[in-house]
Protein backbone atom coordinates (compact mmCIF):
# COMPACT_ATOMS: atom_id res chain seq x y z
CA MET A 1 -50.93 -77.55 -66.45
CA CYS A 2 -53.92 -75.72 -65.24
CA VAL A 3 -57.68 -77.39 -65.55
CA THR A 4 -58.84 -73.70 -64.21
CA ALA A 5 -58.67 -70.53 -64.69
CA ASP A 6 -58.40 -70.41 -61.04
CA ARG A 7 -55.17 -72.68 -61.01
CA PHE A 8 -53.89 -70.68 -63.33
CA TYR A 9 -54.03 -67.71 -61.33
CA ALA A 10 -53.14 -68.71 -58.15
CA LEU A 11 -49.67 -70.09 -60.06
CA GLY A 12 -49.44 -66.88 -61.46
CA ARG A 13 -49.42 -65.30 -58.26
CA VAL A 14 -47.13 -67.84 -56.71
CA LEU A 15 -44.30 -67.49 -59.50
CA GLY A 16 -44.71 -63.93 -60.01
CA ASN A 17 -44.31 -63.53 -56.25
CA MET A 18 -40.63 -65.11 -56.44
CA VAL A 19 -39.49 -63.45 -59.01
CA SER A 20 -40.32 -60.34 -56.95
CA SER A 21 -37.55 -61.45 -54.34
CA LEU A 22 -35.20 -62.97 -56.67
CA ALA A 23 -35.01 -58.97 -57.53
CA GLU A 24 -33.85 -58.11 -53.90
CA ALA A 25 -31.78 -61.76 -53.69
CA PRO A 26 -31.37 -62.96 -56.62
CA SER A 27 -30.92 -66.82 -57.38
CA PRO A 28 -29.45 -68.20 -60.71
CA ARG A 29 -30.81 -71.63 -60.50
CA LEU A 30 -34.36 -71.08 -58.98
CA LEU A 31 -34.95 -68.36 -61.54
CA LYS A 32 -34.28 -70.48 -64.50
CA HIS A 33 -36.45 -72.96 -62.95
CA ILE A 34 -39.28 -70.34 -62.29
CA VAL A 35 -38.23 -69.10 -66.28
CA ARG A 36 -39.03 -72.67 -67.25
CA CYS A 37 -42.15 -73.28 -65.16
CA TYR A 38 -43.30 -70.09 -67.31
CA LEU A 39 -41.84 -71.42 -71.03
CA ARG A 40 -44.21 -74.00 -70.60
CA LEU A 41 -46.80 -72.52 -69.74
CA THR A 42 -46.77 -70.84 -73.13
CA ASP A 43 -47.78 -74.09 -74.82
CA ASN A 44 -50.94 -73.63 -73.40
CA THR A 45 -52.90 -70.47 -75.93
CA ARG A 46 -54.88 -70.21 -73.33
CA ALA A 47 -52.38 -68.69 -70.71
CA CYS A 48 -49.92 -68.02 -73.27
CA ILE A 49 -52.64 -65.23 -73.83
CA ALA A 50 -52.67 -64.35 -70.45
CA LEU A 51 -49.57 -63.99 -69.96
CA LYS A 52 -49.25 -61.13 -72.29
CA ASP A 53 -50.94 -59.33 -68.99
CA CYS A 54 -49.63 -61.10 -65.63
CA LEU A 55 -46.00 -61.47 -67.06
CA PRO A 56 -44.08 -59.82 -64.45
CA ASP A 57 -42.02 -56.75 -65.68
CA LEU A 58 -39.35 -57.50 -63.99
CA LEU A 59 -38.55 -60.86 -66.74
CA SER A 60 -39.23 -58.43 -69.62
CA ASN A 61 -37.02 -55.74 -69.00
CA THR A 62 -33.11 -56.55 -68.38
CA THR A 63 -32.83 -56.78 -64.65
CA PHE A 64 -32.03 -60.49 -64.48
CA ASN A 65 -29.60 -60.39 -67.10
CA SER A 66 -26.65 -60.36 -65.26
CA CYS A 67 -28.21 -63.43 -63.00
CA LEU A 68 -28.99 -65.53 -66.54
CA TYR A 69 -25.44 -64.44 -68.57
CA ASP A 70 -23.13 -67.70 -67.39
CA ASP A 71 -26.66 -70.26 -68.13
CA PRO A 72 -27.36 -70.19 -71.95
CA SER A 73 -30.12 -72.44 -71.41
CA ALA A 74 -31.84 -70.39 -68.88
CA MET A 75 -31.16 -67.18 -71.07
CA GLN A 76 -32.00 -68.60 -74.82
CA TRP A 77 -35.34 -70.43 -72.35
CA LEU A 78 -36.44 -66.36 -70.74
CA GLN A 79 -36.36 -64.94 -75.27
CA GLN A 80 -38.04 -67.89 -76.34
CA LEU A 81 -40.73 -66.88 -73.21
CA LEU A 82 -40.72 -63.33 -73.66
CA HIS A 83 -41.33 -64.09 -77.61
CA ASN A 84 -44.14 -66.75 -77.38
CA ILE A 85 -45.74 -63.63 -75.68
CA ARG A 86 -45.56 -60.80 -77.46
CA VAL A 87 -45.19 -62.59 -81.14
CA ARG A 88 -46.99 -65.75 -81.35
CA GLN A 89 -50.44 -66.32 -82.86
CA PRO A 90 -52.62 -69.04 -81.30
CA HIS A 91 -52.06 -72.57 -82.58
CA GLY A 92 -54.74 -73.20 -84.77
CA LEU A 93 -55.25 -69.26 -85.68
CA GLU A 94 -52.93 -68.87 -88.37
CA ASN A 95 -55.49 -70.83 -91.03
CA MET A 96 -57.99 -69.20 -90.44
CA PHE A 97 -57.30 -66.17 -92.13
CA VAL A 98 -57.86 -66.18 -96.18
CA VAL A 99 -54.89 -64.74 -97.87
């Protein structure tokens, strides 16, 4: 994955620029790959936390719903990505709180 924060943010800029260009000229196949890249980034706790602030709004609103409508796996990946960013606690923190 991204070893340094600089590499993470460089990758984030590239993916973000691609998402912006897809809003003008949608490509379901390319969008699917971009969503998968973002989803893989959420496997890393620090990247997942950072994505809360830098994920393009176009992915979290309904802009691409029609583009992904015919691809259930891509739609599922997008929903999982949004779920991971919004609600998943970083690994290891669930045991830090005393109940």
